[in-house]
N, C-alpha and C. Protein backbone atom coordinates (compact mmCIF):
# COMPACT_ATOMS: atom_id res chain seq x y z
N UNK A 1 -15.81 13.99 4.23
CA UNK A 1 -15.01 12.95 3.59
C UNK A 1 -14.35 13.55 2.35
N UNK A 2 -13.05 13.31 2.14
CA UNK A 2 -12.37 13.85 0.98
C UNK A 2 -12.95 13.29 -0.32
N UNK A 3 -12.85 14.07 -1.40
CA UNK A 3 -13.33 13.60 -2.70
C UNK A 3 -12.31 12.63 -3.28
N UNK A 4 -12.70 11.38 -3.41
CA UNK A 4 -11.80 10.37 -3.94
C UNK A 4 -12.44 9.64 -5.11
N UNK A 5 -13.41 10.31 -5.76
CA UNK A 5 -14.13 9.66 -6.85
C UNK A 5 -13.27 9.51 -8.10
N UNK A 6 -12.19 10.28 -8.20
CA UNK A 6 -11.29 10.22 -9.35
C UNK A 6 -9.98 9.55 -8.93
N UNK A 7 -9.21 9.05 -9.89
CA UNK A 7 -7.88 8.52 -9.54
C UNK A 7 -7.05 9.60 -8.83
N UNK A 8 -6.15 9.16 -7.98
CA UNK A 8 -5.30 10.09 -7.21
C UNK A 8 -3.89 10.08 -7.76
N UNK A 9 -3.34 11.27 -7.99
CA UNK A 9 -1.94 11.37 -8.37
C UNK A 9 -1.09 11.48 -7.10
N UNK A 10 0.20 11.61 -7.27
CA UNK A 10 1.10 11.58 -6.12
C UNK A 10 0.83 12.72 -5.15
N UNK A 11 0.50 13.91 -5.65
CA UNK A 11 0.23 15.04 -4.77
C UNK A 11 -0.99 14.78 -3.89
N UNK A 12 -1.99 14.14 -4.42
CA UNK A 12 -3.18 13.80 -3.63
C UNK A 12 -2.87 12.69 -2.63
N UNK A 13 -2.08 11.72 -3.03
CA UNK A 13 -1.69 10.62 -2.13
C UNK A 13 -0.94 11.17 -0.93
N UNK A 14 -0.08 12.16 -1.16
CA UNK A 14 0.70 12.76 -0.07
C UNK A 14 -0.18 13.40 1.00
N UNK A 15 -1.41 13.74 0.66
CA UNK A 15 -2.34 14.30 1.67
C UNK A 15 -2.86 13.21 2.60
N UNK A 16 -2.84 11.96 2.15
CA UNK A 16 -3.35 10.85 2.95
C UNK A 16 -2.26 10.13 3.74
N UNK A 17 -1.04 10.09 3.20
CA UNK A 17 0.04 9.33 3.82
C UNK A 17 1.14 10.25 4.35
N UNK A 18 1.68 9.93 5.52
CA UNK A 18 2.78 10.73 6.05
C UNK A 18 4.13 10.34 5.44
N UNK A 19 4.19 9.23 4.73
CA UNK A 19 5.45 8.73 4.16
C UNK A 19 5.99 9.67 3.10
N UNK A 20 7.32 9.72 3.01
CA UNK A 20 8.01 10.51 2.01
C UNK A 20 9.19 9.70 1.50
N UNK A 21 9.82 10.19 0.42
CA UNK A 21 10.97 9.50 -0.15
C UNK A 21 12.01 9.28 0.94
N UNK A 22 12.61 8.11 0.99
CA UNK A 22 12.52 7.00 0.06
C UNK A 22 11.51 5.94 0.48
N UNK A 23 10.61 6.30 1.38
CA UNK A 23 9.72 5.28 1.93
C UNK A 23 8.29 5.34 1.41
N UNK A 24 7.95 6.30 0.58
CA UNK A 24 6.62 6.34 -0.02
C UNK A 24 6.58 5.30 -1.14
N UNK A 25 5.69 4.32 -1.04
CA UNK A 25 5.68 3.19 -1.96
C UNK A 25 4.39 3.07 -2.76
N UNK A 26 3.62 4.14 -2.87
CA UNK A 26 2.42 4.17 -3.71
C UNK A 26 2.58 5.34 -4.68
N UNK A 27 2.55 5.03 -5.98
CA UNK A 27 2.72 6.08 -6.99
C UNK A 27 1.39 6.65 -7.48
N UNK A 28 0.37 5.83 -7.55
CA UNK A 28 -0.92 6.29 -8.05
C UNK A 28 -2.03 5.42 -7.48
N UNK A 29 -3.16 6.05 -7.20
CA UNK A 29 -4.37 5.33 -6.82
C UNK A 29 -5.29 5.37 -8.04
N UNK A 30 -5.65 4.20 -8.53
CA UNK A 30 -6.51 4.09 -9.70
C UNK A 30 -7.98 4.19 -9.31
N UNK A 31 -8.32 3.57 -8.17
CA UNK A 31 -9.72 3.55 -7.71
C UNK A 31 -9.72 3.37 -6.20
N UNK A 32 -10.58 4.12 -5.53
CA UNK A 32 -10.73 3.98 -4.08
C UNK A 32 -12.20 4.15 -3.72
N UNK A 33 -12.79 3.10 -3.17
CA UNK A 33 -14.17 3.13 -2.72
C UNK A 33 -14.14 2.92 -1.21
N UNK A 34 -14.34 4.00 -0.43
CA UNK A 34 -14.25 3.89 1.03
C UNK A 34 -15.11 2.74 1.58
N UNK A 35 -14.51 1.99 2.49
CA UNK A 35 -15.22 0.87 3.11
C UNK A 35 -15.27 -0.37 2.23
N UNK A 36 -14.74 -0.29 1.02
CA UNK A 36 -14.81 -1.42 0.11
C UNK A 36 -13.43 -1.85 -0.38
N UNK A 37 -12.81 -1.06 -1.26
CA UNK A 37 -11.55 -1.49 -1.85
C UNK A 37 -10.75 -0.31 -2.40
N UNK A 38 -9.49 -0.61 -2.68
CA UNK A 38 -8.59 0.34 -3.33
C UNK A 38 -7.75 -0.43 -4.34
N UNK A 39 -7.48 0.21 -5.46
CA UNK A 39 -6.57 -0.31 -6.46
C UNK A 39 -5.54 0.79 -6.72
N UNK A 40 -4.28 0.45 -6.51
CA UNK A 40 -3.21 1.42 -6.65
C UNK A 40 -2.01 0.70 -7.28
N UNK A 41 -0.93 1.46 -7.52
CA UNK A 41 0.27 0.79 -8.01
C UNK A 41 1.54 1.53 -7.63
N UNK A 42 2.63 0.77 -7.69
CA UNK A 42 3.98 1.27 -7.47
C UNK A 42 4.80 0.86 -8.68
N UNK A 43 5.40 1.84 -9.35
CA UNK A 43 6.32 1.55 -10.44
C UNK A 43 7.68 1.21 -9.82
N UNK A 44 8.16 0.03 -10.07
CA UNK A 44 9.41 -0.43 -9.47
C UNK A 44 10.55 -0.09 -10.43
N UNK A 45 11.42 0.82 -10.00
CA UNK A 45 12.51 1.31 -10.83
C UNK A 45 13.84 0.71 -10.38
N UNK A 46 14.75 0.56 -11.32
CA UNK A 46 16.09 0.08 -10.97
C UNK A 46 16.80 1.07 -10.05
N UNK A 47 16.33 2.31 -9.99
CA UNK A 47 16.94 3.34 -9.15
C UNK A 47 16.47 3.30 -7.70
N UNK A 48 15.67 2.33 -7.30
CA UNK A 48 15.20 2.23 -5.92
C UNK A 48 16.43 2.09 -5.00
N UNK A 49 16.40 2.75 -3.84
CA UNK A 49 17.59 2.74 -2.97
C UNK A 49 17.96 1.38 -2.39
N UNK A 50 17.06 0.42 -2.41
CA UNK A 50 17.35 -0.89 -1.82
C UNK A 50 18.00 -1.87 -2.80
N UNK A 51 17.89 -1.62 -4.10
CA UNK A 51 18.39 -2.60 -5.07
C UNK A 51 19.91 -2.82 -5.05
N UNK A 52 20.74 -1.81 -4.83
CA UNK A 52 22.18 -2.09 -4.82
C UNK A 52 22.59 -3.16 -3.80
N UNK A 53 21.86 -3.27 -2.72
CA UNK A 53 22.22 -4.26 -1.70
C UNK A 53 21.31 -5.47 -1.66
N UNK A 54 20.24 -5.50 -2.48
CA UNK A 54 19.26 -6.59 -2.41
C UNK A 54 18.87 -7.02 -3.81
N UNK A 55 19.55 -7.69 -4.51
CA UNK A 55 20.83 -8.31 -4.31
C UNK A 55 21.75 -7.86 -5.43
N UNK A 56 23.05 -7.62 -5.16
CA UNK A 56 23.96 -7.18 -6.22
C UNK A 56 23.96 -8.17 -7.40
N UNK A 57 23.67 -7.65 -8.57
CA UNK A 57 23.65 -8.49 -9.76
C UNK A 57 22.35 -9.22 -10.01
N UNK A 58 21.46 -9.26 -9.04
CA UNK A 58 20.16 -9.93 -9.18
C UNK A 58 19.13 -9.18 -8.32
N UNK A 59 18.79 -7.93 -8.70
CA UNK A 59 17.93 -7.11 -7.85
C UNK A 59 16.52 -7.67 -7.68
N UNK A 60 16.10 -7.73 -6.43
CA UNK A 60 14.76 -8.19 -6.05
C UNK A 60 14.21 -7.23 -5.00
N UNK A 61 12.97 -6.77 -5.18
CA UNK A 61 12.35 -5.91 -4.17
C UNK A 61 12.12 -6.74 -2.90
N UNK A 62 12.60 -6.25 -1.75
CA UNK A 62 12.41 -7.01 -0.51
C UNK A 62 10.92 -7.26 -0.23
N UNK A 63 10.61 -8.47 0.20
CA UNK A 63 9.22 -8.83 0.49
C UNK A 63 8.58 -7.92 1.52
N UNK A 64 9.35 -7.49 2.51
CA UNK A 64 8.79 -6.61 3.52
C UNK A 64 8.36 -5.28 2.92
N UNK A 65 9.04 -4.84 1.85
CA UNK A 65 8.65 -3.60 1.19
C UNK A 65 7.43 -3.80 0.29
N UNK A 66 7.26 -4.99 -0.26
CA UNK A 66 6.02 -5.30 -0.99
C UNK A 66 4.85 -5.21 -0.01
N UNK A 67 5.03 -5.78 1.19
CA UNK A 67 3.98 -5.71 2.21
C UNK A 67 3.75 -4.27 2.67
N UNK A 68 4.82 -3.50 2.80
CA UNK A 68 4.68 -2.09 3.19
C UNK A 68 3.91 -1.31 2.13
N UNK A 69 4.16 -1.58 0.85
CA UNK A 69 3.40 -0.92 -0.22
C UNK A 69 1.92 -1.25 -0.09
N UNK A 70 1.61 -2.50 0.20
CA UNK A 70 0.20 -2.90 0.41
C UNK A 70 -0.38 -2.18 1.62
N UNK A 71 0.39 -2.10 2.70
CA UNK A 71 -0.09 -1.43 3.91
C UNK A 71 -0.33 0.06 3.64
N UNK A 72 0.52 0.69 2.85
CA UNK A 72 0.32 2.11 2.53
C UNK A 72 -0.95 2.29 1.69
N UNK A 73 -1.17 1.43 0.73
CA UNK A 73 -2.42 1.51 -0.05
C UNK A 73 -3.61 1.30 0.88
N UNK A 74 -3.49 0.35 1.80
CA UNK A 74 -4.55 0.13 2.79
C UNK A 74 -4.76 1.33 3.68
N UNK A 75 -3.68 2.05 3.99
CA UNK A 75 -3.79 3.28 4.79
C UNK A 75 -4.60 4.34 4.07
N UNK A 76 -4.41 4.45 2.77
CA UNK A 76 -5.22 5.40 1.99
C UNK A 76 -6.68 4.98 2.04
N UNK A 77 -6.94 3.68 1.90
CA UNK A 77 -8.32 3.19 1.95
C UNK A 77 -8.95 3.49 3.32
N UNK A 78 -8.22 3.23 4.39
CA UNK A 78 -8.75 3.49 5.73
C UNK A 78 -8.96 4.98 5.94
N UNK A 79 -8.03 5.81 5.48
CA UNK A 79 -8.14 7.26 5.65
C UNK A 79 -9.30 7.84 4.86
N UNK A 80 -9.63 7.20 3.76
CA UNK A 80 -10.69 7.72 2.89
C UNK A 80 -12.06 7.74 3.58
N UNK A 81 -12.22 6.99 4.66
CA UNK A 81 -13.49 6.96 5.38
C UNK A 81 -13.66 8.14 6.33
N UNK A 82 -12.56 8.82 6.64
CA UNK A 82 -12.57 9.84 7.67
C UNK A 82 -12.79 11.24 7.10
N UNK A 83 -13.46 12.08 7.86
CA UNK A 83 -13.68 13.47 7.46
C UNK A 83 -12.36 14.24 7.44
N UNK A 84 -11.53 14.03 8.48
CA UNK A 84 -10.29 14.77 8.62
C UNK A 84 -9.18 13.81 9.03
N UNK A 85 -8.17 13.68 8.19
CA UNK A 85 -7.07 12.76 8.49
C UNK A 85 -5.86 13.47 9.08
N UNK A 86 -5.92 14.78 9.21
CA UNK A 86 -4.75 15.55 9.63
C UNK A 86 -4.26 15.17 11.03
N UNK A 87 -5.13 14.77 11.92
CA UNK A 87 -4.71 14.42 13.27
C UNK A 87 -4.55 12.93 13.50
N UNK A 88 -4.61 12.14 12.42
CA UNK A 88 -4.55 10.68 12.54
C UNK A 88 -3.32 10.12 11.86
N UNK A 89 -2.95 8.93 12.31
CA UNK A 89 -1.88 8.18 11.67
C UNK A 89 -2.31 6.71 11.66
N UNK A 90 -1.94 6.01 10.61
CA UNK A 90 -2.32 4.61 10.45
C UNK A 90 -1.07 3.77 10.64
N UNK A 91 -1.12 2.90 11.63
CA UNK A 91 0.05 2.10 12.01
C UNK A 91 -0.20 0.63 11.71
N UNK A 92 0.77 -0.01 11.10
CA UNK A 92 0.65 -1.44 10.84
C UNK A 92 0.59 -2.18 12.16
N UNK A 93 -0.47 -2.94 12.37
CA UNK A 93 -0.66 -3.64 13.64
C UNK A 93 -0.54 -5.16 13.50
N UNK A 94 -0.70 -5.66 12.28
CA UNK A 94 -0.60 -7.10 12.12
C UNK A 94 -0.66 -7.53 10.67
N UNK A 95 -0.03 -8.68 10.42
CA UNK A 95 -0.06 -9.33 9.11
C UNK A 95 -0.36 -10.80 9.35
N UNK A 96 -1.36 -11.32 8.68
CA UNK A 96 -1.71 -12.73 8.79
C UNK A 96 -1.75 -13.36 7.40
N UNK A 97 -1.46 -14.63 7.34
CA UNK A 97 -1.56 -15.38 6.09
C UNK A 97 -0.65 -14.86 4.99
N UNK A 98 0.51 -14.34 5.36
CA UNK A 98 1.43 -13.78 4.37
C UNK A 98 2.00 -14.89 3.49
N UNK A 99 1.93 -14.66 2.18
CA UNK A 99 2.52 -15.60 1.23
C UNK A 99 3.15 -14.80 0.10
N UNK A 100 4.36 -15.19 -0.27
CA UNK A 100 5.04 -14.59 -1.41
C UNK A 100 5.01 -15.60 -2.54
N UNK A 101 4.58 -15.16 -3.72
CA UNK A 101 4.38 -16.08 -4.84
C UNK A 101 5.37 -15.89 -5.99
N UNK A 102 5.90 -14.66 -6.13
CA UNK A 102 6.87 -14.42 -7.20
C UNK A 102 7.72 -13.21 -6.85
N UNK A 103 8.88 -13.12 -7.49
CA UNK A 103 9.77 -11.99 -7.26
C UNK A 103 9.23 -10.73 -7.92
N UNK A 104 9.58 -9.59 -7.33
CA UNK A 104 9.28 -8.27 -7.92
C UNK A 104 10.64 -7.66 -8.25
N UNK A 105 10.82 -7.30 -9.52
CA UNK A 105 12.13 -6.86 -10.00
C UNK A 105 12.01 -5.51 -10.70
N UNK A 106 13.14 -4.85 -10.93
CA UNK A 106 13.09 -3.56 -11.63
C UNK A 106 12.34 -3.67 -12.96
N UNK A 107 11.52 -2.65 -13.23
CA UNK A 107 10.72 -2.63 -14.45
C UNK A 107 9.30 -3.11 -14.23
N UNK A 108 9.05 -3.79 -13.11
CA UNK A 108 7.70 -4.27 -12.82
C UNK A 108 6.80 -3.12 -12.37
N UNK A 109 5.53 -3.25 -12.66
CA UNK A 109 4.52 -2.39 -12.05
C UNK A 109 3.83 -3.26 -11.01
N UNK A 110 3.96 -2.87 -9.76
CA UNK A 110 3.38 -3.63 -8.65
C UNK A 110 1.97 -3.11 -8.40
N UNK A 111 0.98 -3.88 -8.80
CA UNK A 111 -0.42 -3.51 -8.58
C UNK A 111 -0.82 -3.90 -7.17
N UNK A 112 -1.43 -2.96 -6.47
CA UNK A 112 -1.78 -3.12 -5.06
C UNK A 112 -3.29 -3.10 -4.92
N UNK A 113 -3.84 -4.16 -4.35
CA UNK A 113 -5.30 -4.27 -4.18
C UNK A 113 -5.59 -4.61 -2.73
N UNK A 114 -6.41 -3.77 -2.09
CA UNK A 114 -6.89 -4.06 -0.73
C UNK A 114 -8.41 -4.07 -0.80
N UNK A 115 -9.02 -5.11 -0.20
CA UNK A 115 -10.47 -5.28 -0.27
C UNK A 115 -11.03 -5.71 1.08
N UNK A 116 -12.34 -5.65 1.14
CA UNK A 116 -13.08 -6.10 2.32
C UNK A 116 -12.63 -5.40 3.59
N UNK A 117 -12.43 -4.09 3.49
CA UNK A 117 -11.99 -3.31 4.65
C UNK A 117 -13.09 -3.30 5.70
N UNK A 118 -12.72 -3.69 6.91
CA UNK A 118 -13.66 -3.71 8.03
C UNK A 118 -13.05 -2.91 9.17
N UNK A 119 -13.82 -1.98 9.70
CA UNK A 119 -13.34 -1.15 10.80
C UNK A 119 -14.10 -1.53 12.06
N UNK A 120 -13.35 -1.78 13.14
CA UNK A 120 -13.94 -2.08 14.44
C UNK A 120 -13.10 -1.35 15.48
N UNK A 121 -13.76 -0.51 16.24
CA UNK A 121 -13.09 0.36 17.19
C UNK A 121 -12.05 1.18 16.42
N UNK A 122 -10.79 1.08 16.79
CA UNK A 122 -9.75 1.84 16.09
C UNK A 122 -8.85 0.95 15.25
N UNK A 123 -9.40 -0.14 14.75
CA UNK A 123 -8.63 -1.06 13.92
C UNK A 123 -9.34 -1.28 12.60
N UNK A 124 -8.54 -1.44 11.56
CA UNK A 124 -9.06 -1.71 10.22
C UNK A 124 -8.37 -2.98 9.71
N UNK A 125 -9.18 -3.94 9.24
CA UNK A 125 -8.64 -5.18 8.67
C UNK A 125 -9.03 -5.24 7.21
N UNK A 126 -8.11 -5.73 6.39
CA UNK A 126 -8.41 -5.86 4.97
C UNK A 126 -7.59 -6.98 4.35
N UNK A 127 -8.11 -7.52 3.26
CA UNK A 127 -7.39 -8.52 2.48
C UNK A 127 -6.58 -7.78 1.42
N UNK A 128 -5.31 -8.15 1.26
CA UNK A 128 -4.43 -7.42 0.36
C UNK A 128 -3.70 -8.38 -0.58
N UNK A 129 -3.57 -7.92 -1.83
CA UNK A 129 -2.84 -8.68 -2.84
C UNK A 129 -1.95 -7.74 -3.64
N UNK A 130 -0.74 -8.19 -3.93
CA UNK A 130 0.17 -7.48 -4.82
C UNK A 130 0.34 -8.34 -6.07
N UNK A 131 0.18 -7.71 -7.22
CA UNK A 131 0.25 -8.45 -8.48
C UNK A 131 1.23 -7.77 -9.44
N UNK A 132 1.84 -8.59 -10.29
CA UNK A 132 2.69 -8.10 -11.38
C UNK A 132 2.19 -8.77 -12.65
N UNK A 133 1.80 -7.97 -13.61
CA UNK A 133 1.26 -8.49 -14.88
C UNK A 133 0.12 -9.48 -14.64
N UNK A 134 -0.70 -9.21 -13.64
CA UNK A 134 -1.85 -10.06 -13.34
C UNK A 134 -1.52 -11.29 -12.52
N UNK A 135 -0.24 -11.56 -12.28
CA UNK A 135 0.16 -12.73 -11.50
C UNK A 135 0.39 -12.32 -10.05
N UNK A 136 -0.10 -13.14 -9.14
CA UNK A 136 0.01 -12.87 -7.71
C UNK A 136 1.48 -12.89 -7.27
N UNK A 137 1.92 -11.78 -6.67
CA UNK A 137 3.29 -11.70 -6.14
C UNK A 137 3.30 -11.91 -4.63
N UNK A 138 2.28 -11.39 -3.94
CA UNK A 138 2.20 -11.54 -2.48
C UNK A 138 0.76 -11.33 -2.04
N UNK A 139 0.43 -11.89 -0.88
CA UNK A 139 -0.90 -11.70 -0.32
C UNK A 139 -0.80 -11.72 1.20
N UNK A 140 -1.74 -11.04 1.85
CA UNK A 140 -1.77 -10.99 3.31
C UNK A 140 -3.10 -10.41 3.77
N UNK A 141 -3.43 -10.68 5.02
CA UNK A 141 -4.52 -9.97 5.69
C UNK A 141 -3.83 -8.95 6.58
N UNK A 142 -4.16 -7.67 6.36
CA UNK A 142 -3.50 -6.57 7.05
C UNK A 142 -4.42 -6.01 8.13
N UNK A 143 -3.85 -5.76 9.30
CA UNK A 143 -4.55 -5.03 10.35
C UNK A 143 -3.80 -3.75 10.60
N UNK A 144 -4.51 -2.63 10.58
CA UNK A 144 -3.91 -1.34 10.86
C UNK A 144 -4.63 -0.69 12.04
N UNK A 145 -3.86 -0.01 12.86
CA UNK A 145 -4.43 0.74 13.98
C UNK A 145 -4.58 2.19 13.53
N UNK A 146 -5.71 2.78 13.86
CA UNK A 146 -5.96 4.19 13.57
C UNK A 146 -5.74 4.93 14.87
N UNK A 147 -4.67 5.74 14.90
CA UNK A 147 -4.26 6.40 16.15
C UNK A 147 -4.18 7.91 15.96
N UNK A 148 -4.20 8.62 17.09
CA UNK A 148 -3.96 10.06 17.06
C UNK A 148 -2.46 10.28 16.88
N UNK A 149 -2.14 11.32 16.11
CA UNK A 149 -0.71 11.64 15.93
C UNK A 149 -0.19 12.07 17.27
């Protein structure tokens, strides 16, 4: 199992996730306890490639990308249980109970929390919340499939 007892910087996160710019949506992992929870964040910058079109003059991070950021944090949590992640990929398999509570805008720090990770066969389910300044921005129950590359 990889050493994840310390916070992870971007270089360490890149070892767990196949995503790259402009689709990597986790900037730092603050805490990761395999089989339990992860706390990570995404710094939302005005320079994000989606803001010019969503929406001109009133930039808002698309809700699907907030969910993708949560799924990526959940992927790190699921990967943290494995001895070797090099031959695996984590695929979003389902979202349940999705609710959006507030907008995410440039300058926000999107805190990503996934908890209660349960693995059964090749699926991992977890409860996920995205927060800005402690206020709930989005929530969902995420199911991810653990597959061979």
